[in-house]
Amino acid sequence: QVQLEESGGGLVETGGSLRLSCAASGRFFRINDMDWYRRAPGKERELVASITNGGSTNYADSVKGRFTISRDNAKNTVYLQMNSLKPEDTAVYYCNAYIFTDKYGRDYWGTGTLVTVSS
């Protein structure tokens, strides 16, 4: 059973920073892309940042220059460093990863971690 577990959410003031982590556990032999999504109250889920297993990254325009995604392949972990946080960053943040447990891969999701940015 593959699981993704996020950590690092919490309450922070505008302009502050948080670092989210997401670790994959269970039996698998490869992880391809790892992503962070978020869902703000009353809004659709959106892709925040993604990283390939080779380290190529992509960001939503709303977080470029403030957020940095990285991964440690040896630890099967992806991180999201969030700086200069704004109230509009308030959301539940979800980790997503495309994981192969055999010759077929599929998307796995974490349960989410809440980030609240106070104004």
Protein backbone atom coordinates (compact mmCIF):
# COMPACT_ATOMS: atom_id res chain seq x y z
CA GLN A 1 0.00 0.00 0.00
CA VAL A 2 1.54 3.28 -1.14
CA GLN A 3 0.92 6.31 1.00
CA LEU A 4 1.81 9.99 0.75
CA GLU A 5 1.97 11.91 3.99
CA GLU A 6 2.20 15.69 4.10
CA SER A 7 3.47 17.77 6.99
CA GLY A 8 4.46 21.34 7.72
CA GLY A 9 1.20 23.25 7.40
CA GLY A 10 0.03 25.75 9.96
CA LEU A 11 -0.83 29.36 10.70
CA VAL A 12 1.54 32.11 9.60
CA GLU A 13 1.34 35.88 9.23
CA THR A 14 1.45 37.67 5.90
CA GLY A 15 5.03 37.78 4.65
CA GLY A 16 6.02 34.70 6.61
CA SER A 17 7.36 31.36 5.45
CA LEU A 18 6.45 27.70 5.73
CA ARG A 19 8.02 24.52 4.42
CA LEU A 20 5.81 21.62 3.45
CA SER A 21 7.08 18.07 3.17
CA CYS A 22 5.53 15.00 1.60
CA ALA A 23 7.02 11.54 2.00
CA ALA A 24 6.04 8.47 0.01
CA SER A 25 6.02 5.13 1.80
CA GLY A 26 5.14 1.54 0.94
CA ARG A 27 6.29 -0.81 -1.79
CA PHE A 28 7.09 0.79 -5.14
CA PHE A 29 10.02 0.96 -7.48
CA ARG A 30 9.82 4.36 -9.14
CA ILE A 31 8.33 7.80 -8.61
CA ASN A 32 7.96 10.06 -11.62
CA ASP A 33 6.57 13.58 -11.23
CA MET A 34 5.78 14.92 -7.78
CA ASP A 35 3.44 17.87 -7.44
CA TRP A 36 1.81 20.20 -4.97
CA TYR A 37 -1.80 21.23 -5.47
CA ARG A 38 -3.98 23.45 -3.34
CA ARG A 39 -7.67 24.07 -2.84
CA ALA A 40 -8.70 27.38 -1.36
CA PRO A 41 -12.13 27.83 0.22
CA GLY A 42 -14.78 28.08 -2.49
CA LYS A 43 -12.29 27.54 -5.31
CA GLU A 44 -11.22 24.74 -7.60
CA ARG A 45 -8.11 22.73 -6.93
CA GLU A 46 -5.09 24.20 -8.69
CA LEU A 47 -1.59 22.99 -9.48
CA VAL A 48 0.94 24.99 -7.49
CA ALA A 49 4.24 23.41 -8.51
CA SER A 50 5.62 20.25 -10.05
CA ILE A 51 9.00 18.57 -10.28
CA THR A 52 10.19 15.67 -12.43
CA ASN A 53 12.45 12.95 -11.11
CA GLY A 54 15.22 14.69 -13.02
CA GLY A 55 14.62 17.94 -11.16
CA SER A 56 12.84 20.06 -13.78
CA THR A 57 10.30 22.35 -12.17
CA ASN A 58 7.17 24.23 -13.10
CA TYR A 59 5.17 26.79 -11.12
CA ALA A 60 1.81 28.49 -11.19
CA ASP A 61 2.18 32.16 -12.10
CA SER A 62 0.70 33.15 -8.73
CA VAL A 63 3.60 31.60 -6.80
CA LYS A 64 6.58 32.16 -9.10
CA GLY A 65 9.44 33.81 -7.27
CA ARG A 66 7.94 33.01 -3.85
CA PHE A 67 7.64 29.21 -3.75
CA THR A 68 10.33 26.62 -4.46
CA ILE A 69 9.69 22.93 -5.03
CA SER A 70 12.45 20.39 -4.49
CA ARG A 71 12.79 16.68 -3.91
CA ASP A 72 15.10 14.18 -2.27
CA ASN A 73 14.88 11.00 -4.32
CA ALA A 74 16.79 8.99 -1.73
CA LYS A 75 14.10 9.85 0.83
CA ASN A 76 11.18 9.71 -1.61
CA THR A 77 10.22 13.14 -0.38
CA VAL A 78 9.11 16.36 -2.04
CA TYR A 79 9.24 19.77 -0.41
CA LEU A 80 7.56 23.11 -0.97
CA GLN A 81 9.32 26.12 0.48
CA MET A 82 6.82 28.96 0.66
CA ASN A 83 8.09 32.49 1.26
CA SER A 84 6.41 35.90 1.24
CA LEU A 85 3.10 34.25 2.00
CA LYS A 86 -0.11 36.12 1.26
CA PRO A 87 -3.65 35.63 2.59
CA GLU A 88 -4.65 34.33 -0.84
CA ASP A 89 -2.24 31.42 -0.32
CA THR A 90 -4.56 30.10 2.38
CA ALA A 91 -5.66 26.64 1.28
CA VAL A 92 -5.37 22.95 1.89
CA TYR A 93 -2.21 21.79 0.15
CA TYR A 94 -2.11 18.31 -1.35
CA CYS A 95 0.84 16.25 -2.46
CA ASN A 96 0.51 14.22 -5.64
CA ALA A 97 2.92 11.73 -7.15
CA TYR A 98 2.91 9.35 -10.11
CA ILE A 99 4.19 6.09 -8.68
CA PHE A 100 4.97 2.70 -10.20
CA THR A 101 4.32 -0.33 -8.02
CA ASP A 102 4.69 -2.65 -11.00
CA LYS A 103 4.83 -1.97 -14.72
CA TYR A 104 1.81 0.30 -14.39
CA GLY A 105 1.89 3.61 -12.62
CA ARG A 106 -0.84 5.82 -11.30
CA ASP A 107 -1.45 8.99 -9.34
CA TYR A 108 -1.42 8.90 -5.56
CA TRP A 109 -2.64 11.69 -3.29
CA GLY A 110 -1.93 12.74 0.25
CA THR A 111 -4.71 13.74 2.63
CA GLY A 112 -3.70 17.39 2.66
CA THR A 113 -2.25 19.90 5.08
CA LEU A 114 -3.87 23.23 5.92
CA VAL A 115 -1.98 26.47 5.40
CA THR A 116 -3.56 29.60 6.84
CA VAL A 117 -2.05 33.02 6.19
CA SER A 118 -3.40 35.77 8.43
CA SER A 119 -3.63 39.37 7.21
